Amino acid sequence: MKKNSRLVYFNGSFVQEDEAKISIYDSALMFGDMVFEMTRSFKKEHFKLKEHIDRLFLGLKILKINLKISKDELIKICEQTAEANDHLFNKNDEHRLMIDVSRGILGIYEDVTGLQKGPNIIVADFPLRWTVKGMGELFNKGINMVITSQRVIPSHLMDPKIKNRSRLFYLNANIEASLFKGENNWALLLDPDGYIAEGTGDNFFIVKDDILYTPRDHTVLNGITRQTIIDISEDLDLEVFEKDISVDDVKVADEAFFTGTAAEVTPVVQVDQSKIGDGMTGKITKKVQKEYFDLIRGKNTKYDHWLTRV
């Protein structure tokens, strides 16, 4: 084994990452036919790992991918993957687990010899610093939201409960946002009816008169962090309503923020370079941030059951 080589769980065993290979005939490559989850740790404890695994299995069920391991077994695999790679992490590094499950090779290629039959499962672990560098600054000053021409896929064509790798529409939106003037531009997509839907890996909230509003989940992925904010709102004496949110609603909002596993709670202070509210991180956003940051770092024992030591 190579020194300092990352180990990846691949179809039942741990291999070096350059040995974890799927077939060119795999349906993930052909159709983006792959369900995935990305989880992360805070102070070496994974946040809502069980909920991520539950959502993964829901996607597998909808897509009729028969993974022959249980949820508990997959949680154990995640823990083992983190442990196997922990020596590669610096003291303050957090874990970023990526779980991918594909259907496997397409039926017309099943006679090709030497290929994995059935689903492929891959669990990889990376230092989180690779993917969220600079996020701390954005938690304070916020970002500009770019409403893109690219819209989400209608729910009757793709069930939003499936977190899948068919994400070209997200990529298109990110490219469009990257061409917008200024810095820290994040894409926000509309639904087919022109209402606010979601970011390309984030859910969206606005604040108006100290009340939280978020798009209904009929066209968006019900994110783990989104649901967390809804769940803890009662502790903060905040009302939350799921509703259709128009672009005009955003423009007259007092505050706005994105939520997500990587984004956590990121203030949105502008839309298309026009200020939301006073163009600063608002008091309600700061209140939600503090409560969320406390619970993910184990400072609120009420929610210790959401944390899994890795």
C-alpha atoms as a PDB file:
ATOM      1  CA  MET A   1       0.000   0.000   0.000  1.00  0.00           C
ATOM      2  CA  LYS A   2       1.247   3.458  -0.878  1.00  0.00           C
ATOM      3  CA  LYS A   3       2.276   5.628   2.041  1.00  0.00           C
ATOM      4  CA  ASN A   4      -0.225   8.395   2.752  1.00  0.00           C
ATOM      5  CA  SER A   5      -2.636   6.930   0.219  1.00  0.00           C
ATOM      6  CA  ARG A   6      -6.322   7.576   0.719  1.00  0.00           C
ATOM      7  CA  LEU A   7      -8.462   4.476   1.141  1.00  0.00           C
ATOM      8  CA  VAL A   8     -11.877   4.228  -0.461  1.00  0.00           C
ATOM      9  CA  TYR A   9     -14.604   1.733   0.338  1.00  0.00           C
ATOM     10  CA  PHE A  10     -15.461   0.111  -2.976  1.00  0.00           C
ATOM     11  CA  ASN A  11     -17.928  -2.759  -3.371  1.00  0.00           C
ATOM     12  CA  GLY A  12     -17.142  -4.560  -0.146  1.00  0.00           C
ATOM     13  CA  SER A  13     -13.496  -3.759   0.529  1.00  0.00           C
ATOM     14  CA  PHE A  14     -11.098  -0.881   1.072  1.00  0.00           C
ATOM     15  CA  VAL A  15      -8.830  -0.045  -1.861  1.00  0.00           C
ATOM     16  CA  GLN A  16      -6.507   2.802  -2.772  1.00  0.00           C
ATOM     17  CA  GLU A  17      -8.453   5.590  -4.416  1.00  0.00           C
ATOM     18  CA  ASP A  18      -6.754   5.119  -7.807  1.00  0.00           C
ATOM     19  CA  GLU A  19      -8.018   1.520  -7.817  1.00  0.00           C
ATOM     20  CA  ALA A  20     -11.675   2.435  -7.239  1.00  0.00           C
ATOM     21  CA  LYS A  21     -12.929   2.308 -10.820  1.00  0.00           C
ATOM     22  CA  ILE A  22     -16.310   1.687 -12.369  1.00  0.00           C
ATOM     23  CA  SER A  23     -16.936   0.386 -15.881  1.00  0.00           C
ATOM     24  CA  ILE A  24     -17.307   2.641 -18.890  1.00  0.00           C
ATOM     25  CA  TYR A  25     -20.606   0.789 -19.360  1.00  0.00           C
ATOM     26  CA  ASP A  26     -21.944   1.790 -15.940  1.00  0.00           C
ATOM     27  CA  SER A  27     -25.333   3.514 -15.990  1.00  0.00           C
ATOM     28  CA  ALA A  28     -23.877   6.328 -13.875  1.00  0.00           C
ATOM     29  CA  LEU A  29     -21.633   7.269 -16.789  1.00  0.00           C
ATOM     30  CA  MET A  30     -24.291   6.645 -19.416  1.00  0.00           C
ATOM     31  CA  PHE A  31     -27.226   8.391 -17.717  1.00  0.00           C
ATOM     32  CA  GLY A  32     -26.037  10.008 -14.495  1.00  0.00           C
ATOM     33  CA  ASP A  33     -27.906   7.117 -12.854  1.00  0.00           C
ATOM     34  CA  MET A  34     -26.337   7.445  -9.411  1.00  0.00           C
ATOM     35  CA  VAL A  35     -27.667   8.383  -5.984  1.00  0.00           C
ATOM     36  CA  PHE A  36     -25.309  10.148  -3.611  1.00  0.00           C
ATOM     37  CA  GLU A  37     -24.947  11.891  -0.271  1.00  0.00           C
ATOM     38  CA  MET A  38     -22.294  14.205   1.097  1.00  0.00           C
ATOM     39  CA  THR A  39     -21.951  14.421   4.874  1.00  0.00           C
ATOM     40  CA  ARG A  40     -19.547  16.373   7.014  1.00  0.00           C
ATOM     41  CA  SER A  41     -18.233  16.461  10.555  1.00  0.00           C
ATOM     42  CA  PHE A  42     -18.037  19.253  13.096  1.00  0.00           C
ATOM     43  CA  LYS A  43     -15.373  18.794  15.763  1.00  0.00           C
ATOM     44  CA  LYS A  44     -14.974  15.222  14.443  1.00  0.00           C
ATOM     45  CA  GLU A  45     -18.673  14.406  14.857  1.00  0.00           C
ATOM     46  CA  HIS A  46     -20.795  13.761  11.791  1.00  0.00           C
ATOM     47  CA  PHE A  47     -23.996  15.760  11.704  1.00  0.00           C
ATOM     48  CA  LYS A  48     -27.210  13.853  11.000  1.00  0.00           C
ATOM     49  CA  LEU A  49     -25.435  10.909   9.385  1.00  0.00           C
ATOM     50  CA  LYS A  50     -28.521   8.727   9.883  1.00  0.00           C
ATOM     51  CA  GLU A  51     -30.740  11.273   8.122  1.00  0.00           C
ATOM     52  CA  HIS A  52     -28.361  11.395   5.154  1.00  0.00           C
ATOM     53  CA  ILE A  53     -28.403   7.597   4.924  1.00  0.00           C
ATOM     54  CA  ASP A  54     -32.208   7.563   5.177  1.00  0.00           C
ATOM     55  CA  ARG A  55     -32.436   9.996   2.246  1.00  0.00           C
ATOM     56  CA  LEU A  56     -29.965   7.933   0.219  1.00  0.00           C
ATOM     57  CA  PHE A  57     -32.056   4.792   0.710  1.00  0.00           C
ATOM     58  CA  LEU A  58     -35.225   6.681  -0.210  1.00  0.00           C
ATOM     59  CA  GLY A  59     -33.607   7.669  -3.512  1.00  0.00           C
ATOM     60  CA  LEU A  60     -32.497   4.076  -4.104  1.00  0.00           C
ATOM     61  CA  LYS A  61     -36.035   2.855  -3.471  1.00  0.00           C
ATOM     62  CA  ILE A  62     -37.566   5.365  -5.885  1.00  0.00           C
ATOM     63  CA  LEU A  63     -35.024   4.453  -8.580  1.00  0.00           C
ATOM     64  CA  LYS A  64     -35.386   0.731  -7.815  1.00  0.00           C
ATOM     65  CA  ILE A  65     -31.669   0.216  -7.175  1.00  0.00           C
ATOM     66  CA  ASN A  66     -31.308  -2.835  -4.935  1.00  0.00           C
ATOM     67  CA  LEU A  67     -28.346  -2.222  -2.647  1.00  0.00           C
ATOM     68  CA  LYS A  68     -27.664  -5.399  -0.701  1.00  0.00           C
ATOM     69  CA  ILE A  69     -26.528  -3.793   2.534  1.00  0.00           C
ATOM     70  CA  SER A  70     -28.592  -2.274   5.325  1.00  0.00           C
ATOM     71  CA  LYS A  71     -28.662   1.294   6.585  1.00  0.00           C
ATOM     72  CA  ASP A  72     -26.832   0.265   9.778  1.00  0.00           C
ATOM     73  CA  GLU A  73     -24.166  -1.500   7.733  1.00  0.00           C
ATOM     74  CA  LEU A  74     -23.644   1.595   5.590  1.00  0.00           C
ATOM     75  CA  ILE A  75     -23.332   3.811   8.671  1.00  0.00           C
ATOM     76  CA  LYS A  76     -20.652   1.422   9.950  1.00  0.00           C
ATOM     77  CA  ILE A  77     -18.866   1.589   6.579  1.00  0.00           C
ATOM     78  CA  CYS A  78     -18.869   5.389   6.792  1.00  0.00           C
ATOM     79  CA  GLU A  79     -17.342   5.246  10.254  1.00  0.00           C
ATOM     80  CA  GLN A  80     -14.703   2.748   9.082  1.00  0.00           C
ATOM     81  CA  THR A  81     -13.841   4.897   6.056  1.00  0.00           C
ATOM     82  CA  ALA A  82     -13.286   7.942   8.252  1.00  0.00           C
ATOM     83  CA  GLU A  83     -11.160   5.909  10.650  1.00  0.00           C
ATOM     84  CA  ALA A  84      -9.078   4.405   7.826  1.00  0.00           C
ATOM     85  CA  ASN A  85      -8.137   7.864   6.539  1.00  0.00           C
ATOM     86  CA  ASP A  86      -7.882   9.813   9.773  1.00  0.00           C
ATOM     87  CA  HIS A  87      -4.066   9.682   9.747  1.00  0.00           C
ATOM     88  CA  LEU A  88      -4.116  11.842   6.595  1.00  0.00           C
ATOM     89  CA  PHE A  89      -5.994  14.642   8.347  1.00  0.00           C
ATOM     90  CA  ASN A  90      -4.523  17.592  10.185  1.00  0.00           C
ATOM     91  CA  LYS A  91      -5.614  18.166  13.760  1.00  0.00           C
ATOM     92  CA  ASN A  92      -8.313  20.680  12.874  1.00  0.00           C
ATOM     93  CA  ASP A  93      -9.466  19.073   9.627  1.00  0.00           C
ATOM     94  CA  GLU A  94     -13.067  17.963   9.424  1.00  0.00           C
ATOM     95  CA  HIS A  95     -14.284  14.923   7.502  1.00  0.00           C
ATOM     96  CA  ARG A  96     -16.243  15.127   4.255  1.00  0.00           C
ATOM     97  CA  LEU A  97     -17.738  11.759   3.367  1.00  0.00           C
ATOM     98  CA  MET A  98     -19.026  11.207  -0.161  1.00  0.00           C
ATOM     99  CA  ILE A  99     -21.313   8.213  -0.659  1.00  0.00           C
ATOM    100  CA  ASP A 100     -22.133   7.193  -4.242  1.00  0.00           C
ATOM    101  CA  VAL A 101     -24.306   4.302  -5.401  1.00  0.00           C
ATOM    102  CA  SER A 102     -24.834   3.494  -9.076  1.00  0.00           C
ATOM    103  CA  ARG A 103     -27.141   0.923 -10.638  1.00  0.00           C
ATOM    104  CA  GLY A 104     -24.182  -0.799 -12.287  1.00  0.00           C
ATOM    105  CA  ILE A 105     -23.624  -1.807 -15.884  1.00  0.00           C
ATOM    106  CA  LEU A 106     -26.487  -1.618 -18.346  1.00  0.00           C
ATOM    107  CA  GLY A 107     -28.209  -4.858 -19.269  1.00  0.00           C
ATOM    108  CA  ILE A 108     -26.958  -4.907 -22.844  1.00  0.00           C
ATOM    109  CA  TYR A 109     -23.373  -5.108 -21.526  1.00  0.00           C
ATOM    110  CA  GLU A 110     -23.937  -7.842 -18.926  1.00  0.00           C
ATOM    111  CA  ASP A 111     -22.142 -10.422 -21.090  1.00  0.00           C
ATOM    112  CA  VAL A 112     -18.899  -8.420 -21.027  1.00  0.00           C
ATOM    113  CA  THR A 113     -16.549 -10.444 -18.844  1.00  0.00           C
ATOM    114  CA  GLY A 114     -14.861  -9.154 -15.724  1.00  0.00           C
ATOM    115  CA  LEU A 115     -17.424  -6.472 -14.895  1.00  0.00           C
ATOM    116  CA  GLN A 116     -19.120  -5.848 -11.559  1.00  0.00           C
ATOM    117  CA  LYS A 117     -22.698  -7.068 -11.745  1.00  0.00           C
ATOM    118  CA  GLY A 118     -25.271  -5.072  -9.810  1.00  0.00           C
ATOM    119  CA  PRO A 119     -24.877  -1.774  -7.935  1.00  0.00           C
ATOM    120  CA  ASN A 120     -21.553  -0.096  -7.290  1.00  0.00           C
ATOM    121  CA  ILE A 121     -21.066   1.588  -3.917  1.00  0.00           C
ATOM    122  CA  ILE A 122     -18.232   3.980  -3.188  1.00  0.00           C
ATOM    123  CA  VAL A 123     -17.516   5.787   0.105  1.00  0.00           C
ATOM    124  CA  ALA A 124     -14.666   8.310   0.079  1.00  0.00           C
ATOM    125  CA  ASP A 125     -13.394  10.692   2.754  1.00  0.00           C
ATOM    126  CA  PHE A 126     -11.724  14.054   2.172  1.00  0.00           C
ATOM    127  CA  PRO A 127     -10.509  16.897   4.403  1.00  0.00           C
ATOM    128  CA  LEU A 128     -13.299  19.459   4.338  1.00  0.00           C
ATOM    129  CA  ARG A 129     -10.812  22.303   3.874  1.00  0.00           C
ATOM    130  CA  TRP A 130     -10.689  21.326   0.186  1.00  0.00           C
ATOM    131  CA  THR A 131     -14.288  22.264  -0.416  1.00  0.00           C
ATOM    132  CA  VAL A 132     -15.247  25.051   2.014  1.00  0.00           C
ATOM    133  CA  LYS A 133     -12.133  27.201   2.004  1.00  0.00           C
ATOM    134  CA  GLY A 134     -13.088  30.806   2.666  1.00  0.00           C
ATOM    135  CA  MET A 135     -16.609  30.023   3.875  1.00  0.00           C
ATOM    136  CA  GLY A 136     -15.974  31.602   7.283  1.00  0.00           C
ATOM    137  CA  GLU A 137     -15.692  35.054   5.739  1.00  0.00           C
ATOM    138  CA  LEU A 138     -18.945  34.574   3.845  1.00  0.00           C
ATOM    139  CA  PHE A 139     -20.783  33.661   7.051  1.00  0.00           C
ATOM    140  CA  ASN A 140     -20.214  37.271   8.102  1.00  0.00           C
ATOM    141  CA  LYS A 141     -20.424  39.374   4.957  1.00  0.00           C
ATOM    142  CA  GLY A 142     -22.785  37.228   2.882  1.00  0.00           C
ATOM    143  CA  ILE A 143     -23.067  36.557  -0.842  1.00  0.00           C
ATOM    144  CA  ASN A 144     -24.799  37.848  -3.965  1.00  0.00           C
ATOM    145  CA  MET A 145     -27.527  35.634  -5.364  1.00  0.00           C
ATOM    146  CA  VAL A 146     -27.861  35.395  -9.140  1.00  0.00           C
ATOM    147  CA  ILE A 147     -31.263  34.338 -10.448  1.00  0.00           C
ATOM    148  CA  THR A 148     -30.345  32.256 -13.472  1.00  0.00           C
ATOM    149  CA  SER A 149     -32.225  31.556 -16.674  1.00  0.00           C
ATOM    150  CA  GLN A 150     -31.627  27.860 -15.992  1.00  0.00           C
ATOM    151  CA  ARG A 151     -34.561  26.435 -14.037  1.00  0.00           C
ATOM    152  CA  VAL A 152     -34.985  23.296 -11.950  1.00  0.00           C
ATOM    153  CA  ILE A 153     -36.267  20.133 -13.556  1.00  0.00           C
ATOM    154  CA  PRO A 154     -40.054  19.829 -13.106  1.00  0.00           C
ATOM    155  CA  SER A 155     -40.957  17.396 -10.339  1.00  0.00           C
ATOM    156  CA  HIS A 156     -43.084  15.287 -12.686  1.00  0.00           C
ATOM    157  CA  LEU A 157     -39.919  14.573 -14.685  1.00  0.00           C
ATOM    158  CA  MET A 158     -37.510  14.076 -11.773  1.00  0.00           C
ATOM    159  CA  ASP A 159     -38.604  13.455  -8.199  1.00  0.00           C
ATOM    160  CA  PRO A 160     -36.796  16.095  -6.096  1.00  0.00           C
ATOM    161  CA  LYS A 161     -36.532  13.646  -3.199  1.00  0.00           C
ATOM    162  CA  ILE A 162     -33.788  11.843  -5.157  1.00  0.00           C
ATOM    163  CA  LYS A 163     -30.320  13.306  -4.620  1.00  0.00           C
ATOM    164  CA  ASN A 164     -28.795  12.130  -7.867  1.00  0.00           C
ATOM    165  CA  ARG A 165     -25.837  12.764 -10.161  1.00  0.00           C
ATOM    166  CA  SER A 166     -27.989  13.942 -13.085  1.00  0.00           C
ATOM    167  CA  ARG A 167     -27.101  17.543 -12.256  1.00  0.00           C
ATOM    168  CA  LEU A 168     -26.220  19.215 -15.556  1.00  0.00           C
ATOM    169  CA  PHE A 169     -28.848  21.879 -14.896  1.00  0.00           C
ATOM    170  CA  TYR A 170     -27.008  22.813 -11.681  1.00  0.00           C
ATOM    171  CA  LEU A 171     -23.736  23.060 -13.587  1.00  0.00           C
ATOM    172  CA  ASN A 172     -25.332  25.296 -16.212  1.00  0.00           C
ATOM    173  CA  ALA A 173     -26.675  27.572 -13.476  1.00  0.00           C
ATOM    174  CA  ASN A 174     -23.272  27.768 -11.771  1.00  0.00           C
ATOM    175  CA  ILE A 175     -21.583  28.680 -15.054  1.00  0.00           C
ATOM    176  CA  GLU A 176     -24.132  31.424 -15.654  1.00  0.00           C
ATOM    177  CA  ALA A 177     -23.646  32.801 -12.134  1.00  0.00           C
ATOM    178  CA  SER A 178     -19.854  32.723 -12.514  1.00  0.00           C
ATOM    179  CA  LEU A 179     -20.123  35.086 -15.497  1.00  0.00           C
ATOM    180  CA  PHE A 180     -22.018  37.672 -13.457  1.00  0.00           C
ATOM    181  CA  LYS A 181     -20.096  40.795 -12.470  1.00  0.00           C
ATOM    182  CA  GLY A 182     -18.629  41.044  -8.985  1.00  0.00           C
ATOM    183  CA  GLU A 183     -17.592  38.380  -6.484  1.00  0.00           C
ATOM    184  CA  ASN A 184     -19.229  35.654  -4.408  1.00  0.00           C
ATOM    185  CA  ASN A 185     -22.043  35.035  -6.873  1.00  0.00           C
ATOM    186  CA  TRP A 186     -24.168  31.978  -6.126  1.00  0.00           C
ATOM    187  CA  ALA A 187     -26.838  30.639  -8.454  1.00  0.00           C
ATOM    188  CA  LEU A 188     -30.509  30.541  -7.505  1.00  0.00           C
ATOM    189  CA  LEU A 189     -32.898  28.637  -9.754  1.00  0.00           C
ATOM    190  CA  LEU A 190     -36.587  29.214 -10.314  1.00  0.00           C
ATOM    191  CA  ASP A 191     -39.163  26.467 -10.674  1.00  0.00           C
ATOM    192  CA  PRO A 192     -41.094  25.980 -13.941  1.00  0.00           C
ATOM    193  CA  ASP A 193     -43.772  28.435 -12.745  1.00  0.00           C
ATOM    194  CA  GLY A 194     -41.262  31.184 -12.037  1.00  0.00           C
ATOM    195  CA  TYR A 195     -41.193  30.865  -8.252  1.00  0.00           C
ATOM    196  CA  ILE A 196     -37.984  30.592  -6.226  1.00  0.00           C
ATOM    197  CA  ALA A 197     -36.768  26.981  -6.015  1.00  0.00           C
ATOM    198  CA  GLU A 198     -33.235  26.364  -4.707  1.00  0.00           C
ATOM    199  CA  GLY A 199     -29.526  26.885  -5.148  1.00  0.00           C
ATOM    200  CA  THR A 200     -27.242  24.339  -6.770  1.00  0.00           C
ATOM    201  CA  GLY A 201     -26.604  22.600  -3.466  1.00  0.00           C
ATOM    202  CA  ASP A 202     -28.493  24.788  -1.066  1.00  0.00           C
ATOM    203  CA  ASN A 203     -31.993  25.615   0.117  1.00  0.00           C
ATOM    204  CA  PHE A 204     -33.247  29.169   0.413  1.00  0.00           C
ATOM    205  CA  PHE A 205     -35.009  31.190   3.108  1.00  0.00           C
ATOM    206  CA  ILE A 206     -36.206  34.771   3.296  1.00  0.00           C
ATOM    207  CA  VAL A 207     -37.105  36.774   6.379  1.00  0.00           C
ATOM    208  CA  LYS A 208     -39.986  39.256   6.392  1.00  0.00           C
ATOM    209  CA  ASP A 209     -41.222  40.923   9.585  1.00  0.00           C
ATOM    210  CA  ASP A 210     -39.222  38.408  11.663  1.00  0.00           C
ATOM    211  CA  ILE A 211     -40.947  35.421  10.024  1.00  0.00           C
ATOM    212  CA  LEU A 212     -39.073  32.773   8.008  1.00  0.00           C
ATOM    213  CA  TYR A 213     -40.320  31.650   4.608  1.00  0.00           C
ATOM    214  CA  THR A 214     -38.891  28.878   2.451  1.00  0.00           C
ATOM    215  CA  PRO A 215     -40.072  27.366  -0.853  1.00  0.00           C
ATOM    216  CA  ARG A 216     -42.371  24.391  -0.618  1.00  0.00           C
ATOM    217  CA  ASP A 217     -40.524  21.102  -1.093  1.00  0.00           C
ATOM    218  CA  HIS A 218     -42.623  19.884  -4.040  1.00  0.00           C
ATOM    219  CA  THR A 219     -39.948  21.093  -6.506  1.00  0.00           C
ATOM    220  CA  VAL A 220     -36.825  21.118  -4.317  1.00  0.00           C
ATOM    221  CA  LEU A 221     -34.724  18.652  -2.378  1.00  0.00           C
ATOM    222  CA  ASN A 222     -35.708  18.841   1.277  1.00  0.00           C
ATOM    223  CA  GLY A 223     -32.188  19.477   2.502  1.00  0.00           C
ATOM    224  CA  ILE A 224     -30.952  18.095   5.808  1.00  0.00           C
ATOM    225  CA  THR A 225     -29.926  21.580   6.948  1.00  0.00           C
ATOM    226  CA  ARG A 226     -33.194  23.091   5.696  1.00  0.00           C
ATOM    227  CA  GLN A 227     -35.173  20.661   7.821  1.00  0.00           C
ATOM    228  CA  THR A 228     -32.881  21.344  10.780  1.00  0.00           C
ATOM    229  CA  ILE A 229     -33.648  25.060  10.621  1.00  0.00           C
ATOM    230  CA  ILE A 230     -37.370  24.303  10.478  1.00  0.00           C
ATOM    231  CA  ASP A 231     -37.024  21.935  13.462  1.00  0.00           C
ATOM    232  CA  ILE A 232     -35.114  24.385  15.675  1.00  0.00           C
ATOM    233  CA  SER A 233     -37.195  27.437  14.801  1.00  0.00           C
ATOM    234  CA  GLU A 234     -39.499  26.798  17.752  1.00  0.00           C
ATOM    235  CA  ASP A 235     -36.509  27.083  20.112  1.00  0.00           C
ATOM    236  CA  LEU A 236     -35.847  30.502  18.612  1.00  0.00           C
ATOM    237  CA  ASP A 237     -39.481  31.643  18.875  1.00  0.00           C
ATOM    238  CA  LEU A 238     -39.562  31.975  15.096  1.00  0.00           C
ATOM    239  CA  GLU A 239     -42.404  31.047  12.803  1.00  0.00           C
ATOM    240  CA  VAL A 240     -41.572  29.219   9.557  1.00  0.00           C
ATOM    241  CA  PHE A 241     -43.875  28.919   6.583  1.00  0.00           C
ATOM    242  CA  GLU A 242     -43.386  26.920   3.390  1.00  0.00           C
ATOM    243  CA  LYS A 243     -44.903  28.803   0.454  1.00  0.00           C
ATOM    244  CA  ASP A 244     -44.413  29.823  -3.144  1.00  0.00           C
ATOM    245  CA  ILE A 245     -41.913  32.687  -3.075  1.00  0.00           C
ATOM    246  CA  SER A 246     -41.797  35.101  -5.988  1.00  0.00           C
ATOM    247  CA  VAL A 247     -38.782  37.089  -7.164  1.00  0.00           C
ATOM    248  CA  ASP A 248     -40.584  40.208  -5.960  1.00  0.00           C
ATOM    249  CA  ASP A 249     -40.935  38.630  -2.499  1.00  0.00           C
ATOM    250  CA  VAL A 250     -37.159  38.322  -2.385  1.00  0.00           C
ATOM    251  CA  LYS A 251     -36.601  41.903  -3.486  1.00  0.00           C
ATOM    252  CA  VAL A 252     -38.746  43.267  -0.649  1.00  0.00           C
ATOM    253  CA  ALA A 253     -37.516  40.784   1.981  1.00  0.00           C
ATOM    254  CA  ASP A 254     -35.740  42.037   5.098  1.00  0.00           C
ATOM    255  CA  GLU A 255     -33.139  39.241   5.009  1.00  0.00           C
ATOM    256  CA  ALA A 256     -32.290  36.038   3.169  1.00  0.00           C
ATOM    257  CA  PHE A 257     -29.964  33.072   3.601  1.00  0.00           C
ATOM    258  CA  PHE A 258     -28.928  29.774   2.044  1.00  0.00           C
ATOM    259  CA  THR A 259     -28.703  26.513   3.995  1.00  0.00           C
ATOM    260  CA  GLY A 260     -26.764  23.350   3.180  1.00  0.00           C
ATOM    261  CA  THR A 261     -24.237  20.829   4.438  1.00  0.00           C
ATOM    262  CA  ALA A 262     -21.345  22.943   3.144  1.00  0.00           C
ATOM    263  CA  ALA A 263     -23.105  26.318   3.158  1.00  0.00           C
ATOM    264  CA  GLU A 264     -24.395  25.788   6.725  1.00  0.00           C
ATOM    265  CA  VAL A 265     -26.258  29.113   7.129  1.00  0.00           C
ATOM    266  CA  THR A 266     -24.862  31.610   4.612  1.00  0.00           C
ATOM    267  CA  PRO A 267     -26.365  35.120   4.456  1.00  0.00           C
ATOM    268  CA  VAL A 268     -27.648  36.369   1.110  1.00  0.00           C
ATOM    269  CA  VAL A 269     -27.268  40.156   1.134  1.00  0.00           C
ATOM    270  CA  GLN A 270     -27.881  40.902  -2.545  1.00  0.00           C
ATOM    271  CA  VAL A 271     -29.919  39.557  -5.437  1.00  0.00           C
ATOM    272  CA  ASP A 272     -28.473  40.329  -8.858  1.00  0.00           C
ATOM    273  CA  GLN A 273     -26.310  42.985  -7.117  1.00  0.00           C
ATOM    274  CA  SER A 274     -29.348  44.746  -5.608  1.00  0.00           C
ATOM    275  CA  LYS A 275     -29.445  44.908  -1.809  1.00  0.00           C
ATOM    276  CA  ILE A 276     -31.741  42.714   0.225  1.00  0.00           C
ATOM    277  CA  GLY A 277     -32.840  44.803   3.192  1.00  0.00           C
ATOM    278  CA  ASP A 278     -29.912  47.015   4.171  1.00  0.00           C
ATOM    279  CA  GLY A 279     -27.433  44.799   2.344  1.00  0.00           C
ATOM    280  CA  MET A 280     -25.995  43.412   5.592  1.00  0.00           C
ATOM    281  CA  THR A 281     -26.395  40.147   7.481  1.00  0.00           C
ATOM    282  CA  GLY A 282     -29.644  40.593   9.411  1.00  0.00           C
ATOM    283  CA  LYS A 283     -30.477  39.987  13.069  1.00  0.00           C
ATOM    284  CA  ILE A 284     -32.681  36.952  12.389  1.00  0.00           C
ATOM    285  CA  THR A 285     -30.048  35.364  10.155  1.00  0.00           C
ATOM    286  CA  LYS A 286     -27.456  35.885  12.902  1.00  0.00           C
ATOM    287  CA  LYS A 287     -29.843  34.354  15.432  1.00  0.00           C
ATOM    288  CA  VAL A 288     -30.390  31.281  13.247  1.00  0.00           C
ATOM    289  CA  GLN A 289     -26.650  31.019  12.545  1.00  0.00           C
ATOM    290  CA  LYS A 290     -25.735  31.054  16.238  1.00  0.00           C
ATOM    291  CA  GLU A 291     -28.268  28.393  17.160  1.00  0.00           C
ATOM    292  CA  TYR A 292     -27.184  26.201  14.254  1.00  0.00           C
ATOM    293  CA  PHE A 293     -23.457  26.669  14.900  1.00  0.00           C
ATOM    294  CA  ASP A 294     -23.957  25.816  18.583  1.00  0.00           C
ATOM    295  CA  LEU A 295     -25.875  22.611  17.953  1.00  0.00           C
ATOM    296  CA  ILE A 296     -23.545  21.234  15.257  1.00  0.00           C
ATOM    297  CA  ARG A 297     -20.605  21.784  17.608  1.00  0.00           C
ATOM    298  CA  GLY A 298     -22.246  19.959  20.493  1.00  0.00           C
ATOM    299  CA  LYS A 299     -23.069  23.031  22.578  1.00  0.00           C
ATOM    300  CA  ASN A 300     -26.774  22.221  22.720  1.00  0.00           C
ATOM    301  CA  THR A 301     -27.214  18.831  24.397  1.00  0.00           C
ATOM    302  CA  LYS A 302     -30.848  18.677  23.290  1.00  0.00           C
ATOM    303  CA  TYR A 303     -29.598  17.716  19.836  1.00  0.00           C
ATOM    304  CA  ASP A 304     -26.716  15.395  20.735  1.00  0.00           C
ATOM    305  CA  HIS A 305     -28.581  12.551  19.008  1.00  0.00           C
ATOM    306  CA  TRP A 306     -27.890  14.295  15.674  1.00  0.00           C
ATOM    307  CA  LEU A 307     -24.112  13.850  16.115  1.00  0.00           C
ATOM    308  CA  THR A 308     -22.102  10.697  15.335  1.00  0.00           C
ATOM    309  CA  ARG A 309     -18.491  10.456  16.477  1.00  0.00           C
ATOM    310  CA  VAL A 310     -15.973   9.604  13.708  1.00  0.00           C
END
